[in-house]
Amino acid sequence: MSRPQQIPSPLKVLSKMANKSVSVKLKSGVDIRGVLLSYDTCMNLVIDEAEEYDPITDSVKAKYGKIMIRGSQVMFVSSPDVVT
């Protein structure tokens, strides 16, 4: 019988993403890309070099610089630089 796969803690996954490029999908449908500077246990995120990205046109819609995203608005966070 095979053992069930261990699912990593979300905060451990976020810690691997620190100081790396991330994509953050918000509940509103907005896609933000930038560098994850910090986070907390409520999944509030601080993103540097933040840009709003439009996947339909494959282009940047707006550049924001350093922003804070409230954790309750985050649908998911992903990073091409991190393998869980």
N, C-alpha and C. Protein backbone atom coordinates (compact mmCIF):
# COMPACT_ATOMS: atom_id res chain seq x y z
N MET A 1 0.84 -1.17 0.00
CA MET A 1 0.00 0.00 0.00
C MET A 1 0.90 1.25 0.00
N SER A 2 0.58 2.20 -0.85
CA SER A 2 1.41 3.41 -0.93
C SER A 2 1.05 4.40 0.17
N ARG A 3 2.05 5.16 0.59
CA ARG A 3 1.83 6.15 1.64
C ARG A 3 1.22 7.41 1.02
N PRO A 4 0.33 8.07 1.76
CA PRO A 4 -0.24 9.31 1.22
C PRO A 4 0.85 10.37 1.08
N GLN A 5 0.72 11.18 0.02
CA GLN A 5 1.70 12.23 -0.23
C GLN A 5 1.55 13.34 0.80
N GLN A 6 2.66 13.79 1.34
CA GLN A 6 2.66 14.86 2.33
C GLN A 6 2.46 16.20 1.62
N ILE A 7 1.47 16.96 2.04
CA ILE A 7 1.20 18.28 1.46
C ILE A 7 1.96 19.32 2.28
N PRO A 8 2.79 20.15 1.59
CA PRO A 8 3.58 21.13 2.34
C PRO A 8 2.71 22.25 2.90
N SER A 9 3.14 22.82 4.01
CA SER A 9 2.45 23.95 4.61
C SER A 9 2.51 25.15 3.67
N PRO A 10 1.39 25.89 3.50
CA PRO A 10 1.41 27.07 2.64
C PRO A 10 2.49 28.09 3.03
N LEU A 11 2.72 28.26 4.32
CA LEU A 11 3.75 29.22 4.74
C LEU A 11 5.15 28.73 4.40
N LYS A 12 5.37 27.42 4.41
CA LYS A 12 6.68 26.89 3.99
C LYS A 12 6.89 27.12 2.50
N VAL A 13 5.83 26.98 1.72
CA VAL A 13 5.93 27.22 0.29
C VAL A 13 6.21 28.70 0.04
N LEU A 14 5.51 29.59 0.75
CA LEU A 14 5.76 31.03 0.61
C LEU A 14 7.19 31.38 1.01
N SER A 15 7.72 30.73 2.03
CA SER A 15 9.09 31.03 2.45
C SER A 15 10.09 30.70 1.35
N LYS A 16 9.81 29.68 0.55
CA LYS A 16 10.67 29.34 -0.58
C LYS A 16 10.57 30.38 -1.70
N MET A 17 9.46 31.12 -1.73
CA MET A 17 9.25 32.13 -2.77
C MET A 17 9.82 33.50 -2.40
N ALA A 18 10.25 33.66 -1.16
CA ALA A 18 10.77 34.96 -0.72
C ALA A 18 11.93 35.40 -1.60
N ASN A 19 11.90 36.65 -2.02
CA ASN A 19 12.93 37.26 -2.87
C ASN A 19 13.01 36.64 -4.26
N LYS A 20 11.92 36.02 -4.69
CA LYS A 20 11.85 35.45 -6.04
C LYS A 20 10.68 36.06 -6.79
N SER A 21 10.69 35.93 -8.10
CA SER A 21 9.58 36.41 -8.92
C SER A 21 8.34 35.56 -8.66
N VAL A 22 7.21 36.25 -8.49
CA VAL A 22 5.96 35.55 -8.24
C VAL A 22 4.85 36.15 -9.11
N SER A 23 3.81 35.37 -9.27
CA SER A 23 2.58 35.82 -9.90
C SER A 23 1.48 35.63 -8.85
N VAL A 24 0.71 36.68 -8.61
CA VAL A 24 -0.36 36.64 -7.60
C VAL A 24 -1.67 36.88 -8.31
N LYS A 25 -2.58 35.90 -8.24
CA LYS A 25 -3.91 36.04 -8.82
C LYS A 25 -4.85 36.49 -7.71
N LEU A 26 -5.52 37.61 -7.93
CA LEU A 26 -6.45 38.14 -6.93
C LEU A 26 -7.86 37.65 -7.21
N LYS A 27 -8.70 37.68 -6.19
CA LYS A 27 -10.10 37.25 -6.34
C LYS A 27 -10.84 38.07 -7.37
N SER A 28 -10.40 39.31 -7.60
CA SER A 28 -11.03 40.18 -8.59
C SER A 28 -10.65 39.79 -10.03
N GLY A 29 -9.70 38.86 -10.17
CA GLY A 29 -9.25 38.43 -11.49
C GLY A 29 -7.97 39.12 -11.93
N VAL A 30 -7.50 40.09 -11.17
CA VAL A 30 -6.27 40.81 -11.51
C VAL A 30 -5.06 39.92 -11.28
N ASP A 31 -4.10 39.99 -12.19
CA ASP A 31 -2.86 39.22 -12.09
C ASP A 31 -1.72 40.19 -11.83
N ILE A 32 -1.06 40.07 -10.68
CA ILE A 32 0.05 40.92 -10.30
C ILE A 32 1.33 40.09 -10.36
N ARG A 33 2.37 40.67 -10.96
CA ARG A 33 3.68 40.01 -11.00
C ARG A 33 4.72 40.91 -10.37
N GLY A 34 5.69 40.30 -9.70
CA GLY A 34 6.75 41.06 -9.06
C GLY A 34 7.60 40.15 -8.19
N VAL A 35 8.34 40.75 -7.27
CA VAL A 35 9.23 40.02 -6.38
C VAL A 35 8.63 40.02 -4.98
N LEU A 36 8.45 38.82 -4.41
CA LEU A 36 7.89 38.69 -3.06
C LEU A 36 8.94 39.10 -2.03
N LEU A 37 8.71 40.24 -1.36
CA LEU A 37 9.64 40.71 -0.33
C LEU A 37 9.33 40.09 1.02
N SER A 38 8.04 40.07 1.40
CA SER A 38 7.67 39.50 2.70
C SER A 38 6.20 39.11 2.70
N TYR A 39 5.83 38.38 3.77
CA TYR A 39 4.46 37.89 3.95
C TYR A 39 4.25 37.65 5.43
N ASP A 40 3.01 37.46 5.82
CA ASP A 40 2.73 37.12 7.21
C ASP A 40 1.77 35.94 7.27
N THR A 41 1.34 35.56 8.46
CA THR A 41 0.49 34.38 8.63
C THR A 41 -0.91 34.56 8.05
N CYS A 42 -1.31 35.80 7.79
CA CYS A 42 -2.61 36.07 7.15
C CYS A 42 -2.49 36.10 5.63
N MET A 43 -1.31 35.81 5.12
CA MET A 43 -0.98 35.81 3.70
C MET A 43 -1.01 37.22 3.10
N ASN A 44 -0.87 38.25 3.95
CA ASN A 44 -0.65 39.59 3.42
C ASN A 44 0.72 39.56 2.76
N LEU A 45 0.84 40.13 1.57
CA LEU A 45 2.08 40.05 0.79
C LEU A 45 2.63 41.44 0.51
N VAL A 46 3.94 41.57 0.54
CA VAL A 46 4.60 42.78 0.06
C VAL A 46 5.34 42.39 -1.21
N ILE A 47 4.98 43.05 -2.31
CA ILE A 47 5.53 42.75 -3.62
C ILE A 47 6.30 43.96 -4.12
N ASP A 48 7.53 43.76 -4.56
CA ASP A 48 8.32 44.84 -5.14
C ASP A 48 8.31 44.69 -6.66
N GLU A 49 8.53 45.79 -7.36
CA GLU A 49 8.52 45.81 -8.83
C GLU A 49 7.19 45.26 -9.35
N ALA A 50 6.11 45.57 -8.65
CA ALA A 50 4.79 45.02 -8.98
C ALA A 50 4.27 45.60 -10.30
N GLU A 51 3.73 44.70 -11.11
CA GLU A 51 3.12 45.07 -12.37
C GLU A 51 1.80 44.32 -12.52
N GLU A 52 0.80 45.02 -13.03
CA GLU A 52 -0.45 44.36 -13.36
C GLU A 52 -0.29 43.79 -14.76
N TYR A 53 -0.53 42.50 -14.89
CA TYR A 53 -0.29 41.79 -16.14
C TYR A 53 -1.60 41.38 -16.78
N ASP A 54 -1.69 41.54 -18.10
CA ASP A 54 -2.89 41.14 -18.86
C ASP A 54 -2.55 39.88 -19.66
N PRO A 55 -3.03 38.71 -19.23
CA PRO A 55 -2.69 37.47 -19.93
C PRO A 55 -3.29 37.37 -21.33
N ILE A 56 -4.36 38.10 -21.59
CA ILE A 56 -5.00 38.05 -22.91
C ILE A 56 -4.11 38.70 -23.96
N THR A 57 -3.59 39.89 -23.64
CA THR A 57 -2.71 40.59 -24.59
C THR A 57 -1.24 40.28 -24.35
N ASP A 58 -0.94 39.50 -23.29
CA ASP A 58 0.42 39.14 -22.93
C ASP A 58 1.28 40.38 -22.74
N SER A 59 0.73 41.35 -21.97
CA SER A 59 1.45 42.62 -21.78
C SER A 59 1.20 43.17 -20.38
N VAL A 60 2.02 44.14 -20.01
CA VAL A 60 1.89 44.82 -18.72
C VAL A 60 0.88 45.95 -18.88
N LYS A 61 -0.14 45.96 -18.00
CA LYS A 61 -1.16 47.01 -18.03
C LYS A 61 -0.74 48.23 -17.23
N ALA A 62 -0.07 48.00 -16.08
CA ALA A 62 0.34 49.10 -15.20
C ALA A 62 1.52 48.66 -14.34
N LYS A 63 2.37 49.63 -13.99
CA LYS A 63 3.50 49.37 -13.10
C LYS A 63 3.24 50.12 -11.80
N TYR A 64 3.41 49.41 -10.66
CA TYR A 64 3.08 49.98 -9.36
C TYR A 64 4.28 50.18 -8.45
N GLY A 65 5.37 49.49 -8.66
CA GLY A 65 6.50 49.58 -7.74
C GLY A 65 6.28 48.63 -6.57
N LYS A 66 6.43 49.13 -5.33
CA LYS A 66 6.27 48.30 -4.13
C LYS A 66 4.84 48.42 -3.63
N ILE A 67 4.16 47.28 -3.44
CA ILE A 67 2.78 47.29 -2.98
C ILE A 67 2.58 46.25 -1.88
N MET A 68 1.47 46.39 -1.16
CA MET A 68 1.05 45.40 -0.18
C MET A 68 -0.30 44.88 -0.63
N ILE A 69 -0.45 43.57 -0.64
CA ILE A 69 -1.71 42.94 -1.03
C ILE A 69 -2.29 42.26 0.20
N ARG A 70 -3.53 42.59 0.51
CA ARG A 70 -4.22 41.99 1.66
C ARG A 70 -4.47 40.51 1.38
N GLY A 71 -4.14 39.68 2.34
CA GLY A 71 -4.25 38.23 2.17
C GLY A 71 -5.64 37.74 1.81
N SER A 72 -6.68 38.43 2.29
CA SER A 72 -8.05 38.00 2.00
C SER A 72 -8.41 38.16 0.52
N GLN A 73 -7.60 38.91 -0.22
CA GLN A 73 -7.86 39.13 -1.65
C GLN A 73 -7.07 38.19 -2.56
N VAL A 74 -6.20 37.39 -1.97
CA VAL A 74 -5.33 36.50 -2.75
C VAL A 74 -6.05 35.19 -3.06
N MET A 75 -6.08 34.84 -4.35
CA MET A 75 -6.62 33.54 -4.75
C MET A 75 -5.50 32.50 -4.75
N PHE A 76 -4.35 32.85 -5.38
CA PHE A 76 -3.19 31.98 -5.33
C PHE A 76 -1.92 32.74 -5.65
N VAL A 77 -0.80 32.16 -5.24
CA VAL A 77 0.53 32.71 -5.51
C VAL A 77 1.33 31.60 -6.17
N SER A 78 2.02 31.92 -7.26
CA SER A 78 2.85 30.92 -7.91
C SER A 78 4.20 31.54 -8.28
N SER A 79 5.18 30.69 -8.48
CA SER A 79 6.50 31.15 -8.87
C SER A 79 7.15 30.11 -9.78
N PRO A 80 7.65 30.57 -10.94
CA PRO A 80 8.32 29.61 -11.81
C PRO A 80 9.68 29.17 -11.25
N ASP A 81 10.19 29.93 -10.27
CA ASP A 81 11.52 29.64 -9.69
C ASP A 81 11.47 28.64 -8.54
N VAL A 82 10.27 28.24 -8.09
CA VAL A 82 10.15 27.40 -6.90
C VAL A 82 9.42 26.10 -7.24
N VAL A 83 10.05 25.00 -6.86
CA VAL A 83 9.42 23.68 -7.01
C VAL A 83 9.09 23.19 -5.61
N THR A 84 7.83 22.82 -5.38
CA THR A 84 7.42 22.38 -4.04
C THR A 84 7.63 20.90 -3.86
